[in-house]
Protein backbone atom coordinates (compact mmCIF):
# COMPACT_ATOMS: atom_id res chain seq x y z
CA MET A 1 -30.29 -20.60 9.50
CA LYS A 2 -28.91 -20.81 5.95
CA SER A 3 -29.06 -17.60 3.91
CA THR A 4 -30.39 -17.86 0.38
CA LEU A 5 -29.19 -16.14 -2.77
CA SER A 6 -31.15 -14.86 -5.79
CA VAL A 7 -29.24 -14.15 -9.01
CA VAL A 8 -30.95 -11.48 -11.13
CA VAL A 9 -30.03 -10.96 -14.79
CA SER A 10 -31.54 -8.44 -17.18
CA ALA A 11 -30.98 -9.37 -20.85
CA TYR A 12 -31.68 -8.20 -24.36
CA ASN A 13 -30.62 -10.29 -27.40
CA GLU A 14 -27.98 -12.18 -25.38
CA GLU A 15 -28.32 -15.72 -26.78
CA HIS A 16 -24.56 -15.94 -27.23
CA SER A 17 -23.67 -14.88 -23.67
CA LEU A 18 -26.51 -15.76 -21.35
CA GLY A 19 -25.81 -19.50 -21.16
CA ARG A 20 -22.23 -18.92 -20.00
CA CYS A 21 -23.43 -16.42 -17.37
CA LEU A 22 -26.18 -18.63 -15.88
CA ALA A 23 -24.03 -21.78 -15.99
CA SER A 24 -21.44 -19.98 -13.80
CA VAL A 25 -24.06 -19.42 -11.01
CA ARG A 26 -26.07 -22.61 -11.34
CA GLN A 27 -24.52 -24.19 -8.22
CA LEU A 28 -24.34 -20.92 -6.28
CA ALA A 29 -27.86 -19.62 -6.69
CA ASP A 30 -30.94 -20.75 -4.79
CA GLU A 31 -32.99 -18.84 -7.34
CA ILE A 32 -32.29 -17.46 -10.80
CA ILE A 33 -34.41 -14.63 -12.17
CA VAL A 34 -34.12 -13.41 -15.78
CA VAL A 35 -35.79 -10.21 -16.93
CA ASP A 36 -36.07 -10.35 -20.74
CA ASN A 37 -36.27 -6.95 -22.44
CA GLN A 38 -38.22 -8.14 -25.50
CA SER A 39 -35.34 -10.01 -27.07
CA GLN A 40 -35.61 -10.86 -30.78
CA ASP A 41 -33.29 -13.87 -30.62
CA ASN A 42 -33.24 -17.07 -28.50
CA THR A 43 -32.45 -15.37 -25.20
CA VAL A 44 -35.64 -16.65 -23.57
CA GLY A 45 -34.99 -20.18 -24.87
CA ILE A 46 -31.55 -20.15 -23.25
CA ALA A 47 -32.97 -18.80 -19.99
CA LYS A 48 -35.53 -21.61 -19.82
CA LYS A 49 -32.70 -24.13 -19.57
CA PHE A 50 -31.76 -22.65 -16.21
CA THR A 51 -34.92 -21.21 -14.63
CA LYS A 52 -38.68 -20.87 -14.78
CA ASN A 53 -38.51 -17.37 -13.31
CA ILE A 54 -38.54 -15.37 -16.54
CA TYR A 55 -40.24 -11.99 -16.76
CA SER A 56 -40.80 -9.83 -19.84
CA GLN A 57 -40.39 -6.04 -19.75
CA ASN A 58 -40.35 -3.33 -22.39
CA ASN A 59 -36.94 -2.59 -23.86
CA ILE A 60 -36.72 0.95 -22.51
CA LEU A 61 -33.66 3.19 -22.61
CA MET A 62 -33.24 3.16 -18.82
CA LEU A 63 -32.67 -0.59 -18.43
CA ASN A 64 -31.77 -0.14 -14.74
CA THR A 65 -35.49 0.21 -14.21
CA ASN A 66 -35.92 -3.35 -15.42
CA LYS A 67 -33.08 -4.52 -13.20
CA ASN A 68 -34.91 -3.01 -10.20
CA TYR A 69 -38.02 -4.87 -11.37
CA GLY A 70 -36.04 -8.12 -11.19
CA PHE A 71 -34.86 -7.28 -7.70
CA GLY A 72 -38.49 -6.90 -6.67
CA LYS A 73 -39.20 -10.46 -7.87
CA ALA A 74 -36.36 -11.98 -5.86
CA THR A 75 -37.12 -13.97 -2.75
CA GLY A 76 -33.58 -14.74 -1.52
CA ASP A 77 -31.95 -13.09 1.48
CA TRP A 78 -29.22 -11.82 -0.83
CA ILE A 79 -29.24 -10.65 -4.44
CA LEU A 80 -26.39 -11.04 -6.93
CA ASN A 81 -26.99 -8.74 -9.91
CA LEU A 82 -25.28 -9.71 -13.16
CA ASP A 83 -25.36 -8.68 -16.80
CA ALA A 84 -25.69 -11.46 -19.38
CA ASP A 85 -22.10 -10.97 -20.60
CA GLU A 86 -20.65 -11.50 -17.12
CA GLU A 87 -19.40 -14.65 -15.42
CA ILE A 88 -18.72 -15.70 -11.82
CA PRO A 89 -15.48 -17.73 -11.42
CA LYS A 90 -15.57 -20.69 -8.98
CA GLU A 91 -13.24 -18.89 -6.51
CA LEU A 92 -15.63 -15.89 -6.33
CA ALA A 93 -18.62 -18.19 -5.97
CA LYS A 94 -16.98 -19.71 -2.88
CA GLU A 95 -16.22 -16.30 -1.43
CA ILE A 96 -19.83 -15.15 -1.97
CA GLN A 97 -21.09 -18.30 -0.34
CA THR A 98 -18.79 -17.82 2.69
CA ILE A 99 -19.76 -14.17 3.08
CA THR A 100 -23.53 -14.64 2.81
CA GLN A 101 -23.47 -17.51 5.35
CA SER A 102 -21.42 -15.60 7.90
CA HIS A 103 -24.17 -13.09 8.80
CA PRO A 104 -21.98 -10.00 8.11
CA LYS A 105 -22.79 -6.44 9.24
CA GLU A 106 -22.44 -5.18 5.66
CA ASN A 107 -25.52 -4.91 3.45
CA GLY A 108 -23.63 -4.84 0.16
CA TYR A 109 -20.26 -5.54 -1.44
CA TRP A 110 -18.05 -4.04 -4.13
CA ILE A 111 -16.57 -6.61 -6.48
CA LYS A 112 -13.72 -5.91 -8.91
CA ARG A 113 -14.54 -6.59 -12.57
CA LYS A 114 -12.10 -7.95 -15.11
CA ASN A 115 -13.05 -6.49 -18.49
CA ILE A 116 -12.13 -8.69 -21.49
CA ILE A 117 -12.20 -6.38 -24.45
CA PHE A 118 -11.28 -7.47 -27.99
CA GLY A 119 -9.86 -10.66 -26.53
CA LYS A 120 -7.63 -9.06 -23.90
CA TRP A 121 -7.95 -8.38 -20.18
CA ILE A 122 -7.57 -4.59 -19.98
CA THR A 123 -5.67 -3.73 -16.80
CA HIS A 124 -5.65 0.10 -16.93
CA GLY A 125 -7.89 3.06 -17.73
CA LEU A 126 -11.56 2.86 -16.93
CA TRP A 127 -11.52 -0.88 -17.11
CA TRP A 128 -9.63 -1.98 -14.04
CA PRO A 129 -10.39 -2.49 -11.24
CA ASP A 130 -13.81 -1.20 -12.33
CA LYS A 131 -15.43 -1.99 -8.98
CA GLN A 132 -19.22 -2.59 -9.02
CA ILE A 133 -21.73 -3.20 -6.23
CA ARG A 134 -23.26 -6.48 -7.35
CA LEU A 135 -23.98 -8.35 -4.10
CA PHE A 136 -26.44 -6.91 -1.58
CA ARG A 137 -29.20 -7.84 0.84
CA ARG A 138 -32.66 -8.03 -0.66
CA GLY A 139 -34.54 -4.84 0.05
CA LYS A 140 -31.34 -2.90 0.78
CA GLY A 141 -30.16 -2.09 -2.73
CA LYS A 142 -31.46 -0.70 -6.02
CA PHE A 143 -30.54 1.56 -8.94
CA ALA A 144 -31.47 5.21 -8.72
CA CYS A 145 -32.26 5.18 -12.48
CA VAL A 146 -30.75 8.61 -13.12
CA HIS A 147 -28.35 7.63 -15.91
CA ILE A 148 -27.23 4.42 -17.59
CA HIS A 149 -23.79 4.22 -15.91
CA GLU A 150 -24.61 4.19 -12.20
CA TYR A 151 -23.99 1.99 -9.18
CA VAL A 152 -26.46 0.14 -7.04
CA SER A 153 -27.33 2.35 -4.06
CA VAL A 154 -27.14 0.36 -0.79
CA ASP A 155 -28.80 1.27 2.46
CA GLY A 156 -26.15 0.50 5.10
CA GLN A 157 -22.52 -0.48 5.23
CA VAL A 158 -20.71 -1.71 2.12
CA GLY A 159 -17.67 -3.98 2.09
CA GLU A 160 -15.48 -5.39 -0.67
CA LEU A 161 -14.84 -8.90 -1.87
CA THR A 162 -11.40 -10.16 -2.90
CA VAL A 163 -11.92 -12.21 -6.08
CA PRO A 164 -12.99 -10.38 -9.28
CA TYR A 165 -15.59 -11.48 -11.76
CA LEU A 166 -15.37 -11.55 -15.55
CA HIS A 167 -16.97 -9.20 -18.00
CA TYR A 168 -16.74 -10.13 -21.68
CA ASN A 169 -17.30 -6.51 -22.60
CA TYR A 170 -16.76 -5.67 -26.26
CA GLU A 171 -15.93 -8.61 -28.53
CA THR A 172 -16.29 -6.79 -31.83
CA VAL A 173 -16.12 -3.16 -33.03
CA HIS A 174 -19.72 -3.46 -34.22
CA GLN A 175 -20.77 -4.43 -30.67
CA TYR A 176 -18.95 -1.42 -29.24
CA LEU A 177 -20.59 1.00 -31.66
CA THR A 178 -24.02 -0.50 -31.00
CA LYS A 179 -23.67 -0.21 -27.22
CA ILE A 180 -22.40 3.33 -27.19
CA ASP A 181 -25.31 4.48 -29.32
CA ARG A 182 -27.68 3.64 -26.46
CA ALA A 183 -25.32 4.78 -23.67
CA SER A 184 -24.50 8.12 -25.30
CA THR A 185 -28.22 8.88 -25.72
CA SER A 186 -28.83 8.22 -22.02
CA GLU A 187 -25.89 10.42 -21.03
CA ALA A 188 -27.03 13.27 -23.29
CA LEU A 189 -30.46 13.11 -21.67
CA SER A 190 -28.76 13.29 -18.25
CA LEU A 191 -26.98 16.48 -19.31
CA GLY A 192 -30.36 17.89 -20.23
CA ASP A 193 -31.81 16.92 -16.85
CA MET A 194 -28.92 18.77 -15.16
CA ASN A 195 -29.62 21.86 -17.25
CA HIS A 196 -26.17 21.72 -18.80
CA GLN A 197 -25.47 24.75 -21.01
CA LEU A 198 -24.18 23.86 -24.47
CA VAL A 199 -20.79 25.43 -25.12
CA TRP A 200 -19.13 24.98 -28.47
CA TYR A 201 -15.65 24.15 -27.09
CA ASP A 202 -17.06 21.09 -25.29
CA ALA A 203 -16.91 19.44 -28.75
CA ILE A 204 -13.13 19.55 -28.33
CA ARG A 205 -12.75 19.40 -24.58
CA PHE A 206 -15.03 16.42 -23.87
CA PRO A 207 -13.18 13.94 -26.14
CA LEU A 208 -9.68 15.34 -25.51
CA SER A 209 -10.14 15.26 -21.72
CA ASP A 210 -11.32 11.63 -21.78
CA PHE A 211 -8.44 10.56 -24.05
CA LEU A 212 -5.78 12.21 -21.94
CA LYS A 213 -7.31 10.91 -18.68
CA ILE A 214 -7.52 7.29 -19.89
CA TYR A 215 -4.40 7.01 -22.03
CA PHE A 216 -2.00 9.00 -19.86
CA ALA A 217 -3.34 9.75 -16.37
CA GLN A 218 -4.75 6.21 -15.94
CA SER A 219 -1.82 4.55 -17.80
CA GLY A 220 -3.96 3.17 -20.66
CA TYR A 221 -0.78 3.18 -22.80
CA LYS A 222 0.42 0.17 -20.79
CA ASP A 223 -2.27 -1.93 -22.52
CA GLY A 224 -0.53 -1.47 -25.87
CA LEU A 225 -2.60 -1.03 -29.04
CA HIS A 226 -5.71 -2.13 -27.12
CA GLY A 227 -5.14 0.80 -24.75
CA LEU A 228 -4.69 3.33 -27.54
CA VAL A 229 -7.77 2.15 -29.49
CA LEU A 230 -9.95 2.09 -26.34
CA ALA A 231 -8.84 5.59 -25.29
CA LEU A 232 -9.69 6.85 -28.79
CA PHE A 233 -13.01 5.08 -28.68
CA GLN A 234 -13.81 6.71 -25.35
CA ALA A 235 -12.94 10.10 -26.84
CA PHE A 236 -15.32 9.29 -29.71
CA TYR A 237 -17.99 8.30 -27.18
CA SER A 238 -17.63 11.64 -25.38
CA PHE A 239 -17.87 13.49 -28.70
CA THR A 240 -21.04 11.51 -29.51
CA VAL A 241 -22.56 12.56 -26.17
CA PHE A 242 -21.84 16.21 -27.09
CA ALA A 243 -23.33 15.77 -30.60
CA LYS A 244 -26.48 14.14 -29.27
CA PHE A 245 -26.93 16.91 -26.71
CA TRP A 246 -26.52 19.42 -29.55
CA GLU A 247 -29.20 17.48 -31.44
CA MET A 248 -31.49 17.81 -28.43
CA GLU A 249 -30.90 21.57 -28.69
CA LYS A 250 -32.23 21.41 -32.28
CA PHE A 251 -28.75 21.80 -33.73
CA SER A 252 -28.58 25.38 -32.46
CA GLN A 253 -26.33 27.55 -34.59
CA ARG A 254 -23.12 29.07 -33.29
CA ASP A 255 -20.84 31.55 -35.04
CA LEU A 256 -17.23 30.49 -34.40
CA ALA A 257 -14.22 32.61 -35.16
CA PRO A 258 -11.30 30.58 -36.55
CA LEU A 259 -8.98 32.10 -33.98
CA ALA A 260 -11.21 30.87 -31.15
CA VAL A 261 -11.01 27.26 -32.44
CA THR A 262 -7.29 27.65 -33.03
CA GLY A 263 -6.84 28.89 -29.44
CA GLU A 264 -8.79 25.92 -28.10
CA LEU A 265 -6.62 23.48 -30.11
CA GLU A 266 -3.47 25.17 -28.89
CA HIS A 267 -4.64 24.85 -25.32
CA GLY A 268 -5.38 21.18 -25.96
CA GLY A 269 -1.92 20.73 -27.43
CA LYS A 270 -0.28 22.08 -24.30
CA GLU A 271 -2.36 19.78 -22.16
CA THR A 272 -1.39 16.82 -24.35
CA GLN A 273 2.29 17.78 -24.04
CA TYR A 274 1.91 17.94 -20.28
CA TRP A 275 0.65 14.38 -20.09
CA MET A 276 3.18 13.10 -22.64
CA ILE A 277 6.00 14.41 -20.46
CA THR A 278 4.35 13.08 -17.31
CA SER A 279 4.24 9.58 -18.79
CA LYS A 280 7.97 9.85 -19.69
CA ILE A 281 8.75 10.82 -16.11
CA GLN A 282 6.79 7.85 -14.81
CA GLU A 283 8.42 5.37 -17.17
CA THR A 284 12.11 6.36 -17.07
CA LYS A 285 14.59 5.26 -14.41
CA ASN A 286 17.13 7.87 -15.46
CA ILE A 287 17.26 10.49 -12.66
CA VAL A 288 18.74 13.22 -14.89
CA LYS A 289 16.00 12.79 -17.51
CA LYS A 290 13.38 12.87 -14.76
CA ILE A 291 14.66 16.23 -13.53
CA LEU A 292 14.90 17.74 -17.02
CA TRP A 293 11.37 16.59 -17.96
CA LYS A 294 9.97 17.93 -14.67
CA ILE A 295 11.45 21.34 -15.45
CA GLN A 296 10.00 21.20 -18.97
CA ARG A 297 6.59 20.22 -17.57
CA LYS A 298 6.71 23.09 -15.07
CA PHE A 299 7.03 25.61 -17.87
CA LEU A 300 4.06 24.10 -19.65
CA SER A 301 1.88 24.57 -16.59
CA LEU A 302 2.77 28.25 -16.15
């Protein structure tokens, strides 16, 4: 018996992206469901060109709740969950069709995501391979709705598909700043739920740690200026999370000695040097330089 597929999309003010998304699954889906989060533009009008299954929900901070609502409306054997700014290439559509018709033992699948940011496919840092669980059996997957950046939780075995899908992530700086405002609020609330204790040096450590991780440890520098800007943006995002958590603490006052801040900056400087040297070691083919830099790095870690 042929398995059926429901595509579920949750959208808010996505008139410029939704058509591309739904067109990419028109031939693949047996059913398309759009959950509109009280859009103020023509999102609903675009959705009507592809489906009658359109449901309205409040535009709440935890949008994963609305995605789960859409999953509950699906009738297909399988669910493919997409965001409005994502697209399924024809090769992936064929792979999904083959998998769902083969009666696999897995109840869900990871799919690699190609993030197109500021017009470029970003191949390092947080943005590749950026695996997401997007395909799963109906009734076997849902979001936990703990924080905004979470994966679908699947009951049972999870496999992985071969072909990636496309994510037209940030197309403008304004779009990036708008999206991180919502995401940073959600993450700050999650810190509160975890009873995180506000420590002043997190204002330095949060952003610095993220920058070093993305730009050096995850080779973001290989994406050129895009990689540098995105690593700095991620550092800014982390600082924003800290600042919003501080706001939740009613901007509690802290007396800071200049030497304490200086010491924290010096520590951060050593950590930065460590990763700068590490990147040199990884990039050079000169054996002598590798050895000398490794000795220099060893002294930094003492």
